[in-house]
Amino acid sequence: MASAAFWQLCWGKNFVKQVRIGICAPSTPLYEEEAQQLIALTSDSHPAAELVFHDQCFAIAGHFAGKDDLRSSAFVSLANDPTINAIWFARGGYGAARIADSILAQLGPAAQDKTYMGYSDGGNLLGALYKAGIGTQAHGPMPVDMRRDGGMVAVERGLDWLVRQDSAALEPHVEAGQKYAAFNLMTLAMMVGTPLLPDLEDHVLMIEEIAEYLYAFDRALFNVTSHLADKGLTGIRLGRVSDVPENNRPFGEEAEEIVRRLCARFDIPYLGSADIGHDVDNKVVPFGTPPA
């Protein structure tokens, strides 16, 4: 297995001020060849980005990128490193919720100065960090997106945000002065009732989903909207709901109809579409109020 020092030395050939981006895998693993590909493909497009892949990204313990304590310690070591400017989650899957609460108690002052970005299962950590007021968070592309057809477009968009907070990377409905949060719906539904869920009062909530039956989407959204009904949510925007499995009989409603019905039932404004999803067009949504 390559050492952390190896991955750091793959960068730094330019005299551009470096933005050091620590990459860890809170859920499932990345592979070393993917890290090498990412380095090769982004060295020219983002010379200011120094990618620091923690060895833990490549660990495998069953489903996970290493056991819980390894994934936790990797995240903490990068977050507490004052030379790291941002933390980028390598990929989603499942596992972040198992370590999020233990991570928070170990974070020191250096963790406050970082941007944290990911989506899907990473929403557990984004929500927990946002609730705790630690750093700044963004729902946005991850390194694993390079596996998708045309996926480097998404990866470069993520780097645009992490390196220079380029407003062109933002979801087009994001406006100054408004608070935002974005989650995969199933991830968010499982956060309801746990210490990981942040206060979403006065927020526009954007949701997206992949590979779930529409009845499961309906059930998850009922859980979320019934919980948020009296929490002062500004409204909900619906991102893409993709790769929906075919049920043994038609469900009878499409995803947007489900959202409209439940928003009306719980008196939550439905604000229309959002340009987010498990795809190469996934745009960046900062948590809280976006930077000017």
Protein backbone atom coordinates (compact mmCIF):
# COMPACT_ATOMS: atom_id res chain seq x y z
CA MET A 1 0.00 0.00 0.00
CA ALA A 2 1.32 3.44 -0.89
CA SER A 3 2.23 5.72 1.97
CA ALA A 4 0.55 9.06 2.61
CA ALA A 5 3.88 10.72 1.80
CA PHE A 6 3.84 9.16 -1.68
CA TRP A 7 0.50 10.70 -2.54
CA GLN A 8 1.55 14.11 -1.26
CA LEU A 9 4.76 14.08 -3.33
CA CYS A 10 2.80 13.46 -6.52
CA TRP A 11 1.99 17.18 -6.51
CA GLY A 12 3.71 20.50 -6.04
CA LYS A 13 5.56 21.00 -9.33
CA ASN A 14 4.24 24.55 -9.70
CA PHE A 15 4.84 27.68 -7.68
CA VAL A 16 1.10 28.37 -7.44
CA LYS A 17 -0.13 28.81 -3.87
CA GLN A 18 -1.34 25.34 -2.95
CA VAL A 19 -4.74 24.41 -1.57
CA ARG A 20 -4.18 21.14 0.27
CA ILE A 21 -7.19 18.85 -0.05
CA GLY A 22 -7.25 15.85 2.27
CA ILE A 23 -9.12 12.85 0.87
CA CYS A 24 -10.50 10.12 3.13
CA ALA A 25 -13.21 7.50 2.76
CA PRO A 26 -15.72 7.62 5.65
CA SER A 27 -17.84 4.90 4.05
CA THR A 28 -16.53 2.64 1.27
CA PRO A 29 -13.09 2.38 -0.37
CA LEU A 30 -11.43 4.00 -3.31
CA TYR A 31 -8.69 2.18 -5.23
CA GLU A 32 -5.09 3.25 -5.70
CA GLU A 33 -5.37 3.22 -9.49
CA GLU A 34 -8.30 5.62 -9.20
CA ALA A 35 -6.23 7.96 -7.05
CA GLN A 36 -3.45 7.84 -9.62
CA GLN A 37 -5.94 8.59 -12.39
CA LEU A 38 -7.36 11.53 -10.47
CA ILE A 39 -3.89 12.96 -9.89
CA ALA A 40 -3.00 12.60 -13.56
CA LEU A 41 -6.21 14.12 -14.85
CA THR A 42 -6.37 17.12 -12.51
CA SER A 43 -2.71 18.18 -12.25
CA ASP A 44 -3.02 20.41 -15.30
CA SER A 45 -6.59 21.63 -14.74
CA HIS A 46 -6.07 22.63 -11.08
CA PRO A 47 -2.36 23.29 -10.43
CA ALA A 48 -3.26 24.92 -7.10
CA ALA A 49 -4.76 21.67 -5.78
CA GLU A 50 -2.48 19.41 -3.76
CA LEU A 51 -4.35 16.15 -3.21
CA VAL A 52 -3.44 14.30 -0.02
CA PHE A 53 -4.90 10.79 -0.13
CA HIS A 54 -4.96 9.21 3.30
CA ASP A 55 -3.90 5.54 3.15
CA GLN A 56 -7.24 4.65 4.71
CA CYS A 57 -8.98 5.41 1.37
CA PHE A 58 -7.61 2.11 0.06
CA ALA A 59 -8.31 -0.09 3.09
CA ILE A 60 -10.97 -2.78 2.78
CA ALA A 61 -12.85 -4.43 5.64
CA GLY A 62 -15.88 -6.13 4.18
CA HIS A 63 -18.18 -3.42 2.86
CA PHE A 64 -16.19 -0.61 4.45
CA ALA A 65 -12.99 1.34 3.77
CA GLY A 66 -11.44 -0.12 6.89
CA LYS A 67 -12.98 -0.76 10.28
CA ASP A 68 -14.88 2.00 12.05
CA ASP A 69 -11.95 3.11 14.19
CA LEU A 70 -9.65 3.39 11.15
CA ARG A 71 -12.14 5.45 9.16
CA SER A 72 -12.72 7.67 12.18
CA SER A 73 -9.03 8.20 12.92
CA ALA A 74 -8.27 9.01 9.27
CA PHE A 75 -10.92 11.69 9.18
CA VAL A 76 -9.78 13.15 12.51
CA SER A 77 -6.11 13.22 11.50
CA LEU A 78 -6.88 15.19 8.34
CA ALA A 79 -9.37 17.49 10.05
CA ASN A 80 -6.92 18.32 12.85
CA ASP A 81 -4.02 18.93 10.47
CA PRO A 82 -3.57 22.72 10.19
CA THR A 83 -1.85 22.36 6.81
CA ILE A 84 -4.98 20.84 5.21
CA ASN A 85 -7.48 23.36 3.78
CA ALA A 86 -10.35 21.07 2.81
CA ILE A 87 -11.55 17.51 3.26
CA TRP A 88 -13.07 15.68 0.31
CA PHE A 89 -14.97 12.44 0.89
CA ALA A 90 -13.73 9.84 -1.61
CA ARG A 91 -17.11 8.19 -2.15
CA GLY A 92 -20.40 7.28 -0.50
CA GLY A 93 -21.94 3.86 0.07
CA TYR A 94 -22.64 3.24 3.74
CA GLY A 95 -20.60 3.80 6.88
CA ALA A 96 -20.38 7.51 7.73
CA ALA A 97 -23.23 7.36 10.25
CA ARG A 98 -21.34 4.71 12.26
CA ILE A 99 -18.48 7.11 12.99
CA ALA A 100 -19.94 10.63 12.85
CA ASP A 101 -20.72 11.07 16.55
CA SER A 102 -17.33 9.77 17.71
CA ILE A 103 -15.52 12.04 15.25
CA LEU A 104 -17.04 15.27 16.54
CA ALA A 105 -15.66 14.86 20.04
CA GLN A 106 -12.10 14.50 18.69
CA LEU A 107 -11.96 17.58 16.47
CA GLY A 108 -9.71 20.46 17.48
CA PRO A 109 -9.37 24.11 16.39
CA ALA A 110 -7.82 23.28 13.00
CA ALA A 111 -11.03 21.49 11.97
CA GLN A 112 -12.91 24.79 12.17
CA ASP A 113 -11.05 26.29 9.22
CA LYS A 114 -11.87 23.65 6.61
CA THR A 115 -14.36 23.02 3.86
CA TYR A 116 -15.90 19.52 3.87
CA MET A 117 -17.52 18.17 0.71
CA GLY A 118 -19.29 15.03 -0.41
CA TYR A 119 -22.81 13.71 -0.92
CA SER A 120 -24.88 10.54 -0.62
CA ASP A 121 -23.88 8.72 2.60
CA GLY A 122 -21.46 11.57 3.34
CA GLY A 123 -24.52 13.63 4.21
CA ASN A 124 -24.35 12.08 7.67
CA LEU A 125 -21.03 13.81 8.31
CA LEU A 126 -22.00 17.03 6.54
CA GLY A 127 -25.12 17.31 8.69
CA ALA A 128 -23.30 16.47 11.92
CA LEU A 129 -20.51 18.97 11.22
CA TYR A 130 -23.01 21.64 10.24
CA LYS A 131 -25.03 21.07 13.40
CA ALA A 132 -21.86 21.33 15.50
CA GLY A 133 -20.72 24.49 13.72
CA ILE A 134 -17.44 22.92 12.62
CA GLY A 135 -16.06 24.28 9.34
CA THR A 136 -18.11 24.83 6.20
CA GLN A 137 -19.91 22.07 4.34
CA ALA A 138 -21.02 21.49 0.77
CA HIS A 139 -23.06 18.81 -0.96
CA GLY A 140 -21.09 18.26 -4.15
CA PRO A 141 -19.11 15.93 -6.42
CA MET A 142 -16.65 13.37 -5.06
CA PRO A 143 -13.55 11.67 -6.55
CA VAL A 144 -15.54 8.49 -7.24
CA ASP A 145 -17.61 10.40 -9.80
CA MET A 146 -14.75 10.00 -12.26
CA ARG A 147 -16.05 6.43 -12.75
CA ARG A 148 -19.14 7.80 -14.48
CA ASP A 149 -19.22 8.49 -18.21
CA GLY A 150 -17.91 12.04 -18.53
CA GLY A 151 -17.27 12.02 -14.79
CA MET A 152 -14.20 14.24 -14.84
CA VAL A 153 -16.56 17.16 -15.51
CA ALA A 154 -18.08 16.55 -12.09
CA VAL A 155 -14.69 16.08 -10.43
CA GLU A 156 -13.40 19.33 -11.93
CA ARG A 157 -16.54 21.10 -10.72
CA GLY A 158 -15.83 19.84 -7.23
CA LEU A 159 -12.25 21.09 -7.45
CA ASP A 160 -13.48 24.44 -8.75
CA TRP A 161 -15.36 24.84 -5.49
CA LEU A 162 -12.72 23.45 -3.14
CA VAL A 163 -9.85 25.40 -4.68
CA ARG A 164 -11.42 28.79 -5.41
CA GLN A 165 -15.12 28.67 -4.43
CA ASP A 166 -16.06 29.30 -8.06
CA SER A 167 -19.70 30.40 -8.16
CA ALA A 168 -20.10 28.68 -11.53
CA ALA A 169 -19.99 25.36 -9.65
CA LEU A 170 -23.08 26.23 -7.59
CA GLU A 171 -26.57 24.87 -8.04
CA PRO A 172 -28.26 27.65 -10.05
CA HIS A 173 -30.96 28.40 -7.47
CA VAL A 174 -28.44 29.15 -4.71
CA GLU A 175 -28.66 32.84 -3.82
CA ALA A 176 -26.87 35.08 -1.36
CA GLY A 177 -28.71 35.71 1.90
CA GLN A 178 -30.64 32.41 1.90
CA LYS A 179 -29.72 29.32 3.92
CA TYR A 180 -29.39 25.94 2.22
CA ALA A 181 -28.85 22.27 2.90
CA ALA A 182 -28.85 19.30 0.52
CA PHE A 183 -29.11 15.57 1.13
CA ASN A 184 -29.78 12.25 -0.46
CA LEU A 185 -33.33 11.54 0.69
CA MET A 186 -32.72 8.08 2.18
CA THR A 187 -29.71 9.39 4.06
CA LEU A 188 -31.73 12.29 5.41
CA ALA A 189 -34.66 10.09 6.38
CA MET A 190 -32.36 7.88 8.44
CA MET A 191 -30.89 10.95 10.17
CA VAL A 192 -34.31 12.03 11.44
CA GLY A 193 -34.53 11.34 15.17
CA THR A 194 -30.75 11.03 15.58
CA PRO A 195 -28.17 13.52 16.92
CA LEU A 196 -26.82 13.94 13.37
CA LEU A 197 -29.74 15.97 12.01
CA PRO A 198 -29.07 19.73 11.97
CA ASP A 199 -31.59 22.48 12.57
CA LEU A 200 -33.08 23.34 9.16
CA GLU A 201 -35.18 26.32 10.20
CA ASP A 202 -35.17 29.02 7.47
CA HIS A 203 -33.36 26.68 5.05
CA VAL A 204 -34.15 25.68 1.50
CA LEU A 205 -33.75 21.90 1.54
CA MET A 206 -32.68 20.17 -1.68
CA ILE A 207 -33.11 16.41 -1.98
CA GLU A 208 -32.15 13.77 -4.55
CA GLU A 209 -32.34 10.00 -4.80
CA ILE A 210 -31.08 7.01 -6.76
CA ALA A 211 -32.08 3.36 -7.17
CA GLU A 212 -35.09 3.37 -4.85
CA TYR A 213 -38.62 2.22 -5.55
CA LEU A 214 -41.10 5.08 -5.62
CA TYR A 215 -42.97 3.60 -2.67
CA ALA A 216 -39.73 3.73 -0.69
CA PHE A 217 -39.17 7.33 -1.83
CA ASP A 218 -42.72 8.15 -0.66
CA ARG A 219 -42.17 6.47 2.71
CA ALA A 220 -38.83 8.23 3.30
CA LEU A 221 -40.20 11.63 2.33
CA PHE A 222 -43.19 11.17 4.62
CA ASN A 223 -40.77 10.64 7.49
CA VAL A 224 -38.81 13.78 6.58
CA THR A 225 -41.73 16.11 5.87
CA SER A 226 -43.76 15.05 8.90
CA HIS A 227 -40.72 15.72 11.10
CA LEU A 228 -39.96 19.10 9.48
CA ALA A 229 -43.59 20.25 9.28
CA ASP A 230 -43.31 22.66 12.22
CA LYS A 231 -39.57 23.35 12.02
CA GLY A 232 -39.74 26.55 9.95
CA LEU A 233 -38.36 25.10 6.71
CA THR A 234 -38.33 27.70 3.91
CA GLY A 235 -39.14 25.05 1.33
CA ILE A 236 -38.05 21.96 -0.58
CA ARG A 237 -36.48 21.63 -4.01
CA LEU A 238 -36.38 18.26 -5.77
CA GLY A 239 -33.21 17.11 -7.51
CA ARG A 240 -33.00 14.15 -9.81
CA VAL A 241 -34.54 10.82 -8.83
CA SER A 242 -32.69 8.37 -11.04
CA ASP A 243 -32.46 4.64 -11.79
CA VAL A 244 -35.86 3.98 -10.22
CA PRO A 245 -36.50 0.19 -10.12
CA GLU A 246 -39.64 -1.05 -11.83
CA ASN A 247 -42.22 -2.19 -9.32
CA ASN A 248 -44.44 -5.23 -9.93
CA ARG A 249 -47.27 -2.77 -10.56
CA PRO A 250 -47.14 0.96 -11.40
CA PHE A 251 -46.89 3.08 -8.26
CA GLY A 252 -49.30 5.67 -9.66
CA GLU A 253 -47.28 8.81 -8.88
CA GLU A 254 -43.98 10.18 -10.12
CA ALA A 255 -41.41 11.58 -7.70
CA GLU A 256 -42.43 15.20 -8.16
CA GLU A 257 -46.08 14.35 -7.54
CA ILE A 258 -45.07 12.67 -4.29
CA VAL A 259 -43.11 15.73 -3.20
CA ARG A 260 -45.91 18.13 -4.10
CA ARG A 261 -48.49 16.04 -2.23
CA LEU A 262 -46.46 15.70 0.96
CA CYS A 263 -45.35 19.34 0.91
CA ALA A 264 -49.00 20.38 0.62
CA ARG A 265 -50.03 17.98 3.39
CA PHE A 266 -47.46 19.37 5.83
CA ASP A 267 -47.66 23.00 4.66
CA ILE A 268 -44.07 23.12 3.38
CA PRO A 269 -43.55 25.24 0.24
CA TYR A 270 -42.53 23.26 -2.81
CA LEU A 271 -40.04 25.41 -4.69
CA GLY A 272 -39.46 23.37 -7.84
CA SER A 273 -36.47 21.52 -9.23
CA ALA A 274 -32.83 21.41 -8.11
CA ASP A 275 -29.79 20.60 -10.25
CA ILE A 276 -28.36 17.90 -7.99
CA GLY A 277 -28.24 14.12 -8.19
CA HIS A 278 -26.11 11.00 -8.40
CA ASP A 279 -24.72 12.00 -11.81
CA VAL A 280 -22.11 14.10 -13.58
CA ASP A 281 -24.38 17.16 -13.53
CA ASN A 282 -24.48 17.26 -9.71
CA LYS A 283 -23.94 20.90 -8.70
CA VAL A 284 -22.54 22.25 -5.43
CA VAL A 285 -24.86 23.30 -2.60
CA PRO A 286 -23.12 25.01 0.35
CA PHE A 287 -24.71 24.47 3.74
CA GLY A 288 -25.94 27.61 5.46
CA THR A 289 -25.57 30.94 3.70
CA PRO A 290 -23.28 30.77 0.65
CA PRO A 291 -20.18 32.98 0.63
CA ALA A 292 -20.56 36.33 -1.09
